[in-house]
Each structure stands twice: as C-alpha cells, then as structure tokens.
Amino acid sequence: RKQPRFLVVASLTLALGIAAVTSIFSVVNGVLFTPLPFPHGDRLVNIWSTAPGLGYQRFPISPDLFLFYQRHNQVFEDMALVQGRRANLTEAGPPEVVDASVTTQSYFATLGVGFAHGRPYTADEDSDTGPRVAVVSRRLWTRRYGGDAGLVGRTIRVDGEPTTVVGITPAWMDGPGSPDLWLPARFNAANPPTGNFG
C-alpha cells in the first residue's frame, strides 16, 4: 500500500512472465510431446533433400529420387510421396477451392489409415493412364455433401475433370491445415519428373 507503483510493476512483470512461459510450453507441448494422430506415429519419418553448398539446408525430394529410394529401400516398411496444392470443385453447389494433397498410392497405407467408407486409390489408379479418382476428407464430406454415403463411387468435378470418389478418410485425419481432398500423383514411374523438388 505504501508503494503502489512497485506493486503495479511487479504484478505486470509477473503476469508477462507467466504468459510467456505458458505460451512457450503450449508450443513445445504441441510440437514435441503430443504424438502424431497416426497409428505408430512414433515410427514415421520425413525424408528431405539438402544442398548446403547452395545454401539449401532442407527441401523436398523429387519424384525420380523418391522412386530410386523406394526401389533400393532396405530400411523402411513403406514410403510415400506427398505434395500440397489447391483444387477446384465445380459440381453440385457453388464452385469451391479446397486444399488438396497429391500423393502416391502408398500414402494411406504408410500412415496406417483405415477407411470406414470406401478405400484408398490403387497402384493402377496412381498411374499416368489410370482413371481419375479422389479421396475426400470427412470434413468436406459432411460440409459439402451432407454426409451422403452414396458419395463413394459417385463422380465429382475436380479442376473441371470428372473424378470418381473412391473413399472418405476417418475423422481423426481432419486437423488444422489438413487437406480436404487427396489425388493420386499419376506420374509415369518409367519416366518420372526429374529436378522437380516440390
């Protein structure tokens, strides 16, 4: 009571310190201690390219390197390639731009994803001559398609192309920043894109 300024400064300092420690703990807990939502998430790793001589410490691998690693792999149970992009949905309802992931067919098996509705795409569907197919997130399925179980097997338009929905992911895959659509990479394994480090 005799030194109110000291009390205010001490209280503010204490409040800022508690807020900073709480924020730091939240970030560290979310990044380091919270396990990935996938089965056996502690066994998942990410492979990156590096070129320190050019000033690049980490960047994605290219499809030709991925296929090389996959052919000569003696360490991993499975491997998958993934690239994020945007996709346009233009069938029933207003046009919509959604987050999508382009992946190799091994993606869902590598992550241990099971499907209650439908299935993941196959190796044939992931070839450059395969039919156009997609897997839809549960979030998009309920929001845009009203949870219609008949969506699996139905054709939707993705980037103007007729595309058959083959599966709907489980709800646990709907997280912040997760895609609403998965599409097969569809590159020619005999002649994959080279130098495309995306």
N, C-alpha and C. Protein backbone atom coordinates (compact mmCIF):
# COMPACT_ATOMS: atom_id res chain seq x y z
N ARG A 1 0.82 -1.20 0.00
CA ARG A 1 0.00 0.00 0.00
C ARG A 1 0.85 1.25 0.00
N LYS A 2 2.03 1.19 0.61
CA LYS A 2 2.88 2.37 0.68
C LYS A 2 3.57 2.65 -0.65
N GLN A 3 3.78 1.63 -1.50
CA GLN A 3 4.46 1.81 -2.79
C GLN A 3 3.61 1.20 -3.91
N PRO A 4 2.52 1.87 -4.32
CA PRO A 4 1.62 1.30 -5.33
C PRO A 4 2.29 1.11 -6.69
N ARG A 5 3.23 1.97 -7.04
CA ARG A 5 3.91 1.81 -8.34
C ARG A 5 4.69 0.50 -8.38
N PHE A 6 5.39 0.21 -7.30
CA PHE A 6 6.15 -1.03 -7.23
C PHE A 6 5.22 -2.24 -7.38
N LEU A 7 4.05 -2.19 -6.72
CA LEU A 7 3.07 -3.28 -6.79
C LEU A 7 2.59 -3.48 -8.22
N VAL A 8 2.29 -2.38 -8.94
CA VAL A 8 1.80 -2.47 -10.33
C VAL A 8 2.89 -3.05 -11.23
N VAL A 9 4.12 -2.54 -11.12
CA VAL A 9 5.23 -3.03 -11.95
C VAL A 9 5.50 -4.50 -11.66
N ALA A 10 5.54 -4.89 -10.39
CA ALA A 10 5.79 -6.29 -10.02
C ALA A 10 4.68 -7.20 -10.54
N SER A 11 3.42 -6.75 -10.43
CA SER A 11 2.29 -7.56 -10.92
C SER A 11 2.34 -7.73 -12.43
N LEU A 12 2.62 -6.64 -13.15
CA LEU A 12 2.72 -6.74 -14.62
C LEU A 12 3.87 -7.64 -15.04
N THR A 13 5.01 -7.52 -14.37
CA THR A 13 6.16 -8.38 -14.69
C THR A 13 5.82 -9.84 -14.45
N LEU A 14 5.19 -10.13 -13.34
CA LEU A 14 4.79 -11.50 -13.03
C LEU A 14 3.79 -12.02 -14.06
N ALA A 15 2.81 -11.20 -14.44
CA ALA A 15 1.80 -11.61 -15.42
C ALA A 15 2.43 -11.90 -16.78
N LEU A 16 3.35 -11.02 -17.22
CA LEU A 16 4.03 -11.24 -18.50
C LEU A 16 4.88 -12.50 -18.47
N GLY A 17 5.56 -12.73 -17.37
CA GLY A 17 6.39 -13.94 -17.23
C GLY A 17 5.55 -15.20 -17.30
N ILE A 18 4.42 -15.24 -16.61
CA ILE A 18 3.53 -16.40 -16.62
C ILE A 18 2.97 -16.62 -18.03
N ALA A 19 2.58 -15.53 -18.68
CA ALA A 19 2.03 -15.64 -20.04
C ALA A 19 3.09 -16.19 -21.01
N ALA A 20 4.33 -15.70 -20.90
CA ALA A 20 5.39 -16.17 -21.80
C ALA A 20 5.68 -17.65 -21.57
N VAL A 21 5.79 -18.06 -20.33
CA VAL A 21 6.06 -19.48 -20.03
C VAL A 21 4.92 -20.36 -20.51
N THR A 22 3.69 -19.92 -20.31
CA THR A 22 2.53 -20.70 -20.77
C THR A 22 2.54 -20.85 -22.29
N SER A 23 2.80 -19.76 -23.00
CA SER A 23 2.85 -19.80 -24.47
C SER A 23 3.94 -20.73 -24.95
N ILE A 24 5.12 -20.61 -24.39
CA ILE A 24 6.24 -21.46 -24.80
C ILE A 24 5.91 -22.93 -24.53
N PHE A 25 5.35 -23.23 -23.36
CA PHE A 25 5.00 -24.61 -23.05
C PHE A 25 3.96 -25.15 -24.03
N SER A 26 2.97 -24.33 -24.39
CA SER A 26 1.94 -24.78 -25.34
C SER A 26 2.55 -25.17 -26.67
N VAL A 27 3.48 -24.36 -27.17
CA VAL A 27 4.13 -24.65 -28.45
C VAL A 27 4.99 -25.90 -28.33
N VAL A 28 5.82 -25.98 -27.30
CA VAL A 28 6.69 -27.14 -27.12
C VAL A 28 5.87 -28.40 -26.93
N ASN A 29 4.80 -28.33 -26.16
CA ASN A 29 3.95 -29.49 -25.94
C ASN A 29 3.32 -29.95 -27.25
N GLY A 30 2.81 -29.01 -28.05
CA GLY A 30 2.17 -29.37 -29.31
C GLY A 30 3.14 -29.94 -30.33
N VAL A 31 4.37 -29.42 -30.36
CA VAL A 31 5.34 -29.84 -31.36
C VAL A 31 6.14 -31.07 -30.93
N LEU A 32 6.55 -31.10 -29.67
CA LEU A 32 7.47 -32.16 -29.24
C LEU A 32 6.82 -33.30 -28.47
N PHE A 33 5.81 -33.02 -27.69
CA PHE A 33 5.29 -34.04 -26.79
C PHE A 33 3.99 -34.69 -27.26
N THR A 34 3.14 -33.97 -27.98
CA THR A 34 1.89 -34.54 -28.45
C THR A 34 2.18 -35.49 -29.61
N PRO A 35 1.81 -36.75 -29.51
CA PRO A 35 2.12 -37.69 -30.58
C PRO A 35 1.31 -37.39 -31.84
N LEU A 36 1.83 -37.81 -32.98
CA LEU A 36 1.09 -37.67 -34.23
C LEU A 36 -0.19 -38.49 -34.13
N PRO A 37 -1.25 -38.08 -34.84
CA PRO A 37 -2.53 -38.78 -34.71
C PRO A 37 -2.57 -40.13 -35.44
N PHE A 38 -1.49 -40.50 -36.11
CA PHE A 38 -1.49 -41.73 -36.89
C PHE A 38 -1.11 -42.94 -36.03
N PRO A 39 -1.62 -44.13 -36.39
CA PRO A 39 -1.16 -45.33 -35.70
C PRO A 39 0.36 -45.45 -35.88
N HIS A 40 1.08 -45.78 -34.83
CA HIS A 40 2.55 -45.91 -34.87
C HIS A 40 3.20 -44.61 -35.34
N GLY A 41 2.65 -43.48 -34.93
CA GLY A 41 3.19 -42.18 -35.33
C GLY A 41 4.64 -41.98 -34.91
N ASP A 42 5.06 -42.69 -33.88
CA ASP A 42 6.45 -42.57 -33.42
C ASP A 42 7.44 -43.23 -34.39
N ARG A 43 6.91 -43.95 -35.39
CA ARG A 43 7.79 -44.63 -36.35
C ARG A 43 7.79 -43.93 -37.71
N LEU A 44 7.09 -42.81 -37.82
CA LEU A 44 7.05 -42.07 -39.08
C LEU A 44 8.22 -41.10 -39.17
N VAL A 45 8.83 -41.02 -40.33
CA VAL A 45 9.91 -40.07 -40.56
C VAL A 45 9.66 -39.34 -41.87
N ASN A 46 10.32 -38.20 -42.03
CA ASN A 46 10.22 -37.41 -43.24
C ASN A 46 11.61 -37.36 -43.87
N ILE A 47 11.70 -37.57 -45.16
CA ILE A 47 12.98 -37.54 -45.86
C ILE A 47 13.04 -36.25 -46.67
N TRP A 48 14.17 -35.54 -46.54
CA TRP A 48 14.36 -34.28 -47.25
C TRP A 48 15.64 -34.35 -48.08
N SER A 49 15.73 -33.50 -49.07
CA SER A 49 16.98 -33.29 -49.81
C SER A 49 17.73 -32.16 -49.14
N THR A 50 19.02 -32.09 -49.38
CA THR A 50 19.82 -31.00 -48.84
C THR A 50 20.92 -30.63 -49.82
N ALA A 51 21.24 -29.35 -49.88
CA ALA A 51 22.33 -28.86 -50.73
C ALA A 51 23.00 -27.70 -50.00
N PRO A 52 23.77 -28.01 -48.93
CA PRO A 52 24.35 -26.93 -48.13
C PRO A 52 25.31 -26.04 -48.93
N GLY A 53 25.93 -26.59 -49.96
CA GLY A 53 26.82 -25.78 -50.78
C GLY A 53 26.09 -24.69 -51.54
N LEU A 54 24.80 -24.91 -51.79
CA LEU A 54 23.98 -23.90 -52.48
C LEU A 54 23.15 -23.08 -51.49
N GLY A 55 23.32 -23.36 -50.21
CA GLY A 55 22.58 -22.61 -49.20
C GLY A 55 21.21 -23.19 -48.87
N TYR A 56 20.95 -24.42 -49.30
CA TYR A 56 19.67 -25.08 -49.00
C TYR A 56 19.90 -26.18 -47.99
N GLN A 57 19.43 -25.97 -46.78
CA GLN A 57 19.60 -26.99 -45.74
C GLN A 57 18.55 -28.08 -45.83
N ARG A 58 17.37 -27.75 -46.39
CA ARG A 58 16.30 -28.74 -46.46
C ARG A 58 15.29 -28.35 -47.52
N PHE A 59 14.98 -29.26 -48.43
CA PHE A 59 13.90 -29.05 -49.39
C PHE A 59 13.38 -30.42 -49.82
N PRO A 60 12.15 -30.48 -50.36
CA PRO A 60 11.55 -31.78 -50.69
C PRO A 60 12.33 -32.54 -51.75
N ILE A 61 12.13 -33.86 -51.77
CA ILE A 61 12.78 -34.67 -52.80
C ILE A 61 11.94 -34.65 -54.07
N SER A 62 12.56 -35.04 -55.17
CA SER A 62 11.86 -35.07 -56.45
C SER A 62 11.30 -36.47 -56.70
N PRO A 63 10.30 -36.61 -57.60
CA PRO A 63 9.71 -37.92 -57.87
C PRO A 63 10.73 -38.98 -58.30
N ASP A 64 11.72 -38.59 -59.12
CA ASP A 64 12.70 -39.59 -59.56
C ASP A 64 13.56 -40.08 -58.40
N LEU A 65 13.92 -39.19 -57.46
CA LEU A 65 14.67 -39.61 -56.28
C LEU A 65 13.82 -40.49 -55.38
N PHE A 66 12.53 -40.13 -55.22
CA PHE A 66 11.62 -40.95 -54.41
C PHE A 66 11.57 -42.37 -54.96
N LEU A 67 11.39 -42.52 -56.27
CA LEU A 67 11.31 -43.86 -56.86
C LEU A 67 12.63 -44.61 -56.71
N PHE A 68 13.74 -43.90 -56.82
CA PHE A 68 15.05 -44.52 -56.61
C PHE A 68 15.16 -45.04 -55.17
N TYR A 69 14.80 -44.18 -54.19
CA TYR A 69 14.84 -44.60 -52.79
C TYR A 69 13.91 -45.78 -52.54
N GLN A 70 12.73 -45.74 -53.13
CA GLN A 70 11.75 -46.80 -52.94
C GLN A 70 12.27 -48.13 -53.50
N ARG A 71 12.89 -48.10 -54.68
CA ARG A 71 13.43 -49.32 -55.29
C ARG A 71 14.58 -49.91 -54.47
N HIS A 72 15.40 -49.05 -53.88
CA HIS A 72 16.59 -49.51 -53.18
C HIS A 72 16.43 -49.50 -51.65
N ASN A 73 15.22 -49.31 -51.17
CA ASN A 73 14.96 -49.21 -49.75
C ASN A 73 15.23 -50.53 -49.03
N GLN A 74 15.99 -50.48 -47.97
CA GLN A 74 16.20 -51.64 -47.11
C GLN A 74 15.95 -51.29 -45.64
N VAL A 75 15.35 -50.13 -45.41
CA VAL A 75 15.17 -49.63 -44.06
C VAL A 75 13.69 -49.48 -43.68
N PHE A 76 12.90 -48.90 -44.57
CA PHE A 76 11.53 -48.53 -44.24
C PHE A 76 10.54 -49.60 -44.67
N GLU A 77 9.45 -49.73 -43.90
CA GLU A 77 8.39 -50.67 -44.27
C GLU A 77 7.68 -50.21 -45.53
N ASP A 78 7.49 -48.91 -45.65
CA ASP A 78 6.79 -48.35 -46.81
C ASP A 78 7.22 -46.90 -46.97
N MET A 79 6.97 -46.36 -48.14
CA MET A 79 7.32 -44.97 -48.42
C MET A 79 6.22 -44.34 -49.26
N ALA A 80 6.03 -43.05 -49.11
CA ALA A 80 5.03 -42.33 -49.90
C ALA A 80 5.53 -40.94 -50.21
N LEU A 81 5.04 -40.39 -51.29
CA LEU A 81 5.38 -39.03 -51.71
C LEU A 81 4.12 -38.19 -51.61
N VAL A 82 4.23 -36.96 -51.14
CA VAL A 82 3.05 -36.09 -51.00
C VAL A 82 3.43 -34.66 -51.36
N GLN A 83 2.49 -33.97 -52.01
CA GLN A 83 2.68 -32.56 -52.35
C GLN A 83 1.34 -31.85 -52.17
N GLY A 84 1.36 -30.72 -51.48
CA GLY A 84 0.14 -29.95 -51.28
C GLY A 84 -0.15 -29.05 -52.47
N ARG A 85 -1.41 -28.82 -52.75
CA ARG A 85 -1.84 -27.89 -53.79
C ARG A 85 -3.28 -27.51 -53.55
N ARG A 86 -3.85 -26.70 -54.42
CA ARG A 86 -5.26 -26.31 -54.33
C ARG A 86 -6.02 -27.00 -55.46
N ALA A 87 -7.30 -27.25 -55.25
CA ALA A 87 -8.12 -27.89 -56.27
C ALA A 87 -9.48 -27.19 -56.31
N ASN A 88 -10.09 -27.19 -57.49
CA ASN A 88 -11.40 -26.56 -57.69
C ASN A 88 -12.48 -27.63 -57.78
N LEU A 89 -13.53 -27.46 -56.98
CA LEU A 89 -14.70 -28.33 -57.06
C LEU A 89 -15.80 -27.54 -57.74
N THR A 90 -16.36 -28.09 -58.83
CA THR A 90 -17.34 -27.31 -59.60
C THR A 90 -18.64 -28.06 -59.86
N GLU A 91 -18.80 -29.25 -59.27
CA GLU A 91 -20.09 -29.94 -59.48
C GLU A 91 -21.10 -29.40 -58.49
N ALA A 92 -22.13 -30.12 -58.15
CA ALA A 92 -23.24 -29.68 -57.31
C ALA A 92 -22.87 -28.61 -56.29
N GLY A 93 -23.62 -27.54 -56.27
CA GLY A 93 -23.35 -26.47 -55.34
C GLY A 93 -22.43 -25.43 -55.96
N PRO A 94 -22.15 -24.37 -55.22
CA PRO A 94 -21.29 -23.31 -55.75
C PRO A 94 -19.85 -23.80 -55.92
N PRO A 95 -19.11 -23.24 -56.87
CA PRO A 95 -17.70 -23.61 -57.03
C PRO A 95 -16.94 -23.33 -55.74
N GLU A 96 -15.94 -24.16 -55.47
CA GLU A 96 -15.18 -24.03 -54.23
C GLU A 96 -13.73 -24.42 -54.47
N VAL A 97 -12.82 -23.67 -53.88
CA VAL A 97 -11.40 -24.01 -53.92
C VAL A 97 -11.07 -24.66 -52.58
N VAL A 98 -10.47 -25.86 -52.62
CA VAL A 98 -10.13 -26.58 -51.39
C VAL A 98 -8.65 -26.94 -51.39
N ASP A 99 -8.12 -27.19 -50.19
CA ASP A 99 -6.76 -27.69 -50.06
C ASP A 99 -6.74 -29.16 -50.44
N ALA A 100 -5.75 -29.55 -51.23
CA ALA A 100 -5.63 -30.94 -51.67
C ALA A 100 -4.21 -31.42 -51.46
N SER A 101 -4.04 -32.73 -51.46
CA SER A 101 -2.72 -33.34 -51.45
C SER A 101 -2.65 -34.32 -52.61
N VAL A 102 -1.56 -34.22 -53.35
CA VAL A 102 -1.28 -35.18 -54.42
C VAL A 102 -0.30 -36.18 -53.83
N THR A 103 -0.66 -37.47 -53.85
CA THR A 103 0.16 -38.47 -53.19
C THR A 103 0.33 -39.71 -54.06
N THR A 104 1.34 -40.49 -53.72
CA THR A 104 1.47 -41.82 -54.33
C THR A 104 0.47 -42.74 -53.65
N GLN A 105 0.15 -43.85 -54.29
CA GLN A 105 -0.89 -44.74 -53.76
C GLN A 105 -0.53 -45.34 -52.41
N SER A 106 0.74 -45.36 -52.06
CA SER A 106 1.17 -45.95 -50.78
C SER A 106 0.94 -45.02 -49.59
N TYR A 107 0.48 -43.81 -49.83
CA TYR A 107 0.35 -42.79 -48.78
C TYR A 107 -0.49 -43.27 -47.60
N PHE A 108 -1.71 -43.73 -47.86
CA PHE A 108 -2.62 -44.09 -46.77
C PHE A 108 -2.13 -45.33 -46.02
N ALA A 109 -1.55 -46.29 -46.74
CA ALA A 109 -1.01 -47.48 -46.07
C ALA A 109 0.19 -47.12 -45.21
N THR A 110 1.04 -46.22 -45.69
CA THR A 110 2.22 -45.79 -44.93
C THR A 110 1.81 -45.16 -43.61
N LEU A 111 0.75 -44.35 -43.65
CA LEU A 111 0.27 -43.68 -42.43
C LEU A 111 -0.62 -44.58 -41.57
N GLY A 112 -1.02 -45.74 -42.09
CA GLY A 112 -1.88 -46.64 -41.34
C GLY A 112 -3.32 -46.19 -41.27
N VAL A 113 -3.80 -45.55 -42.34
CA VAL A 113 -5.16 -45.03 -42.37
C VAL A 113 -6.13 -46.12 -42.81
N GLY A 114 -7.14 -46.37 -41.99
CA GLY A 114 -8.21 -47.29 -42.35
C GLY A 114 -9.42 -46.51 -42.83
N PHE A 115 -10.23 -47.11 -43.68
CA PHE A 115 -11.39 -46.44 -44.27
C PHE A 115 -12.67 -47.11 -43.82
N ALA A 116 -13.60 -46.32 -43.25
CA ALA A 116 -14.94 -46.83 -42.93
C ALA A 116 -15.83 -46.76 -44.15
N HIS A 117 -15.55 -45.79 -45.05
CA HIS A 117 -16.32 -45.62 -46.28
C HIS A 117 -15.35 -45.65 -47.45
N GLY A 118 -15.48 -46.65 -48.29
CA GLY A 118 -14.65 -46.73 -49.47
C GLY A 118 -13.26 -47.25 -49.18
N ARG A 119 -12.29 -46.77 -49.97
CA ARG A 119 -10.93 -47.30 -49.92
C ARG A 119 -9.95 -46.25 -50.43
N PRO A 120 -8.65 -46.49 -50.25
CA PRO A 120 -7.67 -45.61 -50.89
C PRO A 120 -7.56 -45.93 -52.37
N TYR A 121 -6.86 -45.10 -53.12
CA TYR A 121 -6.69 -45.43 -54.54
C TYR A 121 -5.61 -46.49 -54.71
N THR A 122 -5.70 -47.20 -55.81
CA THR A 122 -4.81 -48.33 -56.08
C THR A 122 -3.61 -47.89 -56.92
N ALA A 123 -2.66 -48.81 -57.10
CA ALA A 123 -1.48 -48.53 -57.93
C ALA A 123 -1.91 -48.26 -59.37
N ASP A 124 -2.91 -48.98 -59.87
CA ASP A 124 -3.40 -48.74 -61.25
C ASP A 124 -3.99 -47.35 -61.38
N GLU A 125 -4.70 -46.90 -60.35
CA GLU A 125 -5.30 -45.56 -60.38
C GLU A 125 -4.25 -44.47 -60.20
N ASP A 126 -3.07 -44.85 -59.70
CA ASP A 126 -1.99 -43.89 -59.50
C ASP A 126 -1.01 -43.90 -60.67
N SER A 127 -1.40 -44.48 -61.79
CA SER A 127 -0.53 -44.47 -62.98
C SER A 127 -0.96 -43.33 -63.90
N ASP A 128 -0.08 -42.97 -64.83
CA ASP A 128 -0.39 -41.85 -65.73
C ASP A 128 -1.53 -42.16 -66.68
N THR A 129 -1.89 -43.44 -66.81
CA THR A 129 -3.01 -43.83 -67.69
C THR A 129 -4.24 -44.25 -66.89
N GLY A 130 -4.16 -44.18 -65.56
CA GLY A 130 -5.27 -44.63 -64.72
C GLY A 130 -6.44 -43.67 -64.73
N PRO A 131 -7.60 -44.15 -64.28
CA PRO A 131 -8.78 -43.27 -64.21
C PRO A 131 -8.60 -42.21 -63.14
N ARG A 132 -9.32 -41.10 -63.28
CA ARG A 132 -9.23 -40.01 -62.30
C ARG A 132 -10.09 -40.36 -61.09
N VAL A 133 -9.43 -40.43 -59.93
CA VAL A 133 -10.11 -40.77 -58.68
C VAL A 133 -9.67 -39.80 -57.59
N ALA A 134 -10.42 -39.78 -56.50
CA ALA A 134 -10.08 -38.91 -55.37
C ALA A 134 -10.57 -39.54 -54.08
N VAL A 135 -9.92 -39.17 -52.99
CA VAL A 135 -10.36 -39.50 -51.63
C VAL A 135 -10.75 -38.18 -50.98
N VAL A 136 -11.90 -38.16 -50.31
CA VAL A 136 -12.46 -36.94 -49.72
C VAL A 136 -12.33 -37.01 -48.20
N SER A 137 -12.03 -35.88 -47.57
CA SER A 137 -11.97 -35.83 -46.10
C SER A 137 -13.38 -35.93 -45.52
N ARG A 138 -13.45 -36.43 -44.30
CA ARG A 138 -14.76 -36.50 -43.63
C ARG A 138 -15.34 -35.08 -43.46
N ARG A 139 -14.46 -34.11 -43.20
CA ARG A 139 -14.90 -32.72 -43.03
C ARG A 139 -15.60 -32.22 -44.29
N LEU A 140 -14.99 -32.43 -45.47
CA LEU A 140 -15.60 -32.00 -46.73
C LEU A 140 -16.85 -32.81 -47.03
N TRP A 141 -16.79 -34.10 -46.74
CA TRP A 141 -17.92 -34.99 -46.98
C TRP A 141 -19.17 -34.53 -46.23
N THR A 142 -19.00 -34.14 -44.96
CA THR A 142 -20.17 -33.70 -44.20
C THR A 142 -20.59 -32.28 -44.57
N ARG A 143 -19.61 -31.40 -44.82
CA ARG A 143 -19.94 -30.00 -45.09
C ARG A 143 -20.54 -29.80 -46.48
N ARG A 144 -19.90 -30.34 -47.51
CA ARG A 144 -20.35 -30.08 -48.88
C ARG A 144 -21.36 -31.11 -49.39
N TYR A 145 -21.21 -32.35 -48.94
CA TYR A 145 -22.05 -33.43 -49.48
C TYR A 145 -23.05 -33.98 -48.47
N GLY A 146 -23.17 -33.31 -47.31
CA GLY A 146 -24.19 -33.67 -46.34
C GLY A 146 -24.04 -35.07 -45.76
N GLY A 147 -22.83 -35.62 -45.77
CA GLY A 147 -22.61 -36.96 -45.22
C GLY A 147 -23.29 -38.05 -46.01
N ASP A 148 -23.53 -37.82 -47.29
CA ASP A 148 -24.22 -38.80 -48.16
C ASP A 148 -23.31 -40.01 -48.40
N ALA A 149 -23.74 -41.19 -47.89
CA ALA A 149 -22.95 -42.41 -48.05
C ALA A 149 -22.81 -42.80 -49.52
N GLY A 150 -23.71 -42.30 -50.36
CA GLY A 150 -23.65 -42.59 -51.79
C GLY A 150 -22.57 -41.83 -52.52
N LEU A 151 -21.79 -40.98 -51.82
CA LEU A 151 -20.74 -40.23 -52.49
C LEU A 151 -19.64 -41.16 -53.00
N VAL A 152 -19.35 -42.23 -52.25
CA VAL A 152 -18.34 -43.19 -52.71
C VAL A 152 -18.86 -43.86 -53.98
N GLY A 153 -18.07 -43.78 -55.04
CA GLY A 153 -18.47 -44.32 -56.33
C GLY A 153 -19.09 -43.28 -57.25
N ARG A 154 -19.40 -42.11 -56.70
CA ARG A 154 -20.00 -41.04 -57.49
C ARG A 154 -18.92 -40.19 -58.15
N THR A 155 -19.27 -39.56 -59.26
CA THR A 155 -18.34 -38.69 -59.98
C THR A 155 -18.56 -37.25 -59.56
N ILE A 156 -17.45 -36.59 -59.19
CA ILE A 156 -17.47 -35.16 -58.91
C ILE A 156 -16.53 -34.50 -59.91
N ARG A 157 -16.53 -33.18 -59.99
CA ARG A 157 -15.62 -32.48 -60.91
C ARG A 157 -14.51 -31.80 -60.11
N VAL A 158 -13.28 -32.23 -60.37
CA VAL A 158 -12.10 -31.66 -59.73
C VAL A 158 -11.27 -30.99 -60.82
N ASP A 159 -11.10 -29.70 -60.71
CA ASP A 159 -10.39 -28.92 -61.73
C ASP A 159 -10.99 -29.13 -63.11
N GLY A 160 -12.32 -29.25 -63.15
CA GLY A 160 -13.03 -29.40 -64.41
C GLY A 160 -13.06 -30.81 -64.95
N GLU A 161 -12.36 -31.76 -64.31
CA GLU A 161 -12.29 -33.14 -64.80
C GLU A 161 -13.22 -34.04 -64.00
N PRO A 162 -13.98 -34.92 -64.68
CA PRO A 162 -14.79 -35.89 -63.94
C PRO A 162 -13.88 -36.82 -63.13
N THR A 163 -14.15 -36.94 -61.84
CA THR A 163 -13.30 -37.68 -60.92
C THR A 163 -14.18 -38.53 -60.01
N THR A 164 -13.87 -39.82 -59.91
CA THR A 164 -14.67 -40.72 -59.08
C THR A 164 -14.15 -40.71 -57.65
N VAL A 165 -15.05 -40.54 -56.69
CA VAL A 165 -14.69 -40.61 -55.27
C VAL A 165 -14.60 -42.08 -54.88
N VAL A 166 -13.44 -42.51 -54.40
CA VAL A 166 -13.25 -43.92 -54.03
C VAL A 166 -13.26 -44.13 -52.53
N GLY A 167 -13.06 -43.05 -51.74
CA GLY A 167 -13.03 -43.23 -50.29
C GLY A 167 -13.22 -41.93 -49.53
N ILE A 168 -13.53 -42.09 -48.24
CA ILE A 168 -13.69 -40.96 -47.32
C ILE A 168 -12.81 -41.24 -46.11
N THR A 169 -11.93 -40.31 -45.78
CA THR A 169 -10.99 -40.54 -44.68
C THR A 169 -11.70 -40.50 -43.33
N PRO A 170 -11.10 -41.14 -42.32
CA PRO A 170 -11.69 -41.07 -40.97
C PRO A 170 -11.58 -39.66 -40.38
N ALA A 171 -12.43 -39.38 -39.41
CA ALA A 171 -12.50 -38.04 -38.81
C ALA A 171 -11.19 -37.61 -38.17
N TRP A 172 -10.39 -38.55 -37.63
CA TRP A 172 -9.16 -38.15 -36.96
C TRP A 172 -8.14 -37.53 -37.91
N MET A 173 -8.34 -37.66 -39.22
CA MET A 173 -7.42 -37.02 -40.17
C MET A 173 -7.77 -35.56 -40.42
N ASP A 174 -8.92 -35.10 -39.91
CA ASP A 174 -9.32 -33.70 -40.06
C ASP A 174 -8.69 -32.87 -38.96
N GLY A 175 -7.58 -32.26 -39.26
CA GLY A 175 -6.90 -31.41 -38.29
C GLY A 175 -6.66 -30.04 -38.88
N PRO A 176 -6.12 -29.14 -38.11
CA PRO A 176 -5.80 -27.81 -38.64
C PRO A 176 -4.80 -27.93 -39.79
N GLY A 177 -5.14 -27.35 -40.92
CA GLY A 177 -4.26 -27.38 -42.08
C GLY A 177 -4.28 -28.67 -42.87
N SER A 178 -5.12 -29.62 -42.49
CA SER A 178 -5.18 -30.88 -43.25
C SER A 178 -5.97 -30.68 -44.53
N PRO A 179 -5.66 -31.46 -45.58
CA PRO A 179 -6.36 -31.28 -46.85
C PRO A 179 -7.80 -31.80 -46.80
N ASP A 180 -8.60 -31.36 -47.75
CA ASP A 180 -9.96 -31.86 -47.91
C ASP A 180 -10.07 -32.88 -49.02
N LEU A 181 -9.01 -33.03 -49.80
CA LEU A 181 -9.06 -33.89 -50.97
C LEU A 181 -7.68 -34.49 -51.19
N TRP A 182 -7.64 -35.77 -51.54
CA TRP A 182 -6.39 -36.43 -51.90
C TRP A 182 -6.52 -36.96 -53.32
N LEU A 183 -5.50 -36.72 -54.11
CA LEU A 183 -5.49 -37.12 -55.52
C LEU A 183 -4.23 -37.93 -55.79
N PRO A 184 -4.33 -38.96 -56.65
CA PRO A 184 -3.12 -39.72 -56.98
C PRO A 184 -2.12 -38.88 -57.78
N ALA A 185 -0.83 -39.14 -57.57
CA ALA A 185 0.22 -38.38 -58.25
C ALA A 185 0.20 -38.64 -59.76
N ARG A 186 -0.08 -39.84 -60.17
CA ARG A 186 -0.27 -40.22 -61.58
C ARG A 186 0.94 -39.93 -62.46
N PHE A 187 2.17 -40.00 -61.92
CA PHE A 187 3.29 -39.83 -62.84
C PHE A 187 3.75 -41.17 -63.37
N ASN A 188 4.38 -41.14 -64.53
CA ASN A 188 4.86 -42.34 -65.18
C ASN A 188 6.11 -42.82 -64.45
N ALA A 189 6.03 -43.98 -63.79
CA ALA A 189 7.15 -44.47 -63.00
C ALA A 189 8.36 -44.79 -63.87
N ALA A 190 8.13 -45.10 -65.15
CA ALA A 190 9.25 -45.40 -66.06
C ALA A 190 9.96 -44.13 -66.50
N ASN A 191 9.27 -43.01 -66.44
CA ASN A 191 9.86 -41.73 -66.86
C ASN A 191 9.34 -40.61 -65.94
N PRO A 192 9.71 -40.65 -64.65
CA PRO A 192 9.15 -39.66 -63.70
C PRO A 192 9.74 -38.28 -63.92
N PRO A 193 9.04 -37.25 -63.42
CA PRO A 193 9.60 -35.89 -63.49
C PRO A 193 10.93 -35.84 -62.75
N THR A 194 11.91 -35.20 -63.35
CA THR A 194 13.22 -35.05 -62.71
C THR A 194 13.46 -33.58 -62.39
N GLY A 195 14.19 -33.34 -61.33
CA GLY A 195 14.53 -31.97 -60.97
C GLY A 195 13.36 -31.18 -60.42
N ASN A 196 12.21 -31.84 -60.20
CA ASN A 196 11.04 -31.15 -59.66
C ASN A 196 11.04 -31.38 -58.15
N PHE A 197 11.74 -30.54 -57.41
CA PHE A 197 11.90 -30.74 -55.97
C PHE A 197 10.74 -30.09 -55.21
N GLY A 198 9.53 -30.50 -55.51
CA GLY A 198 8.36 -29.96 -54.84
C GLY A 198 7.69 -30.95 -53.95
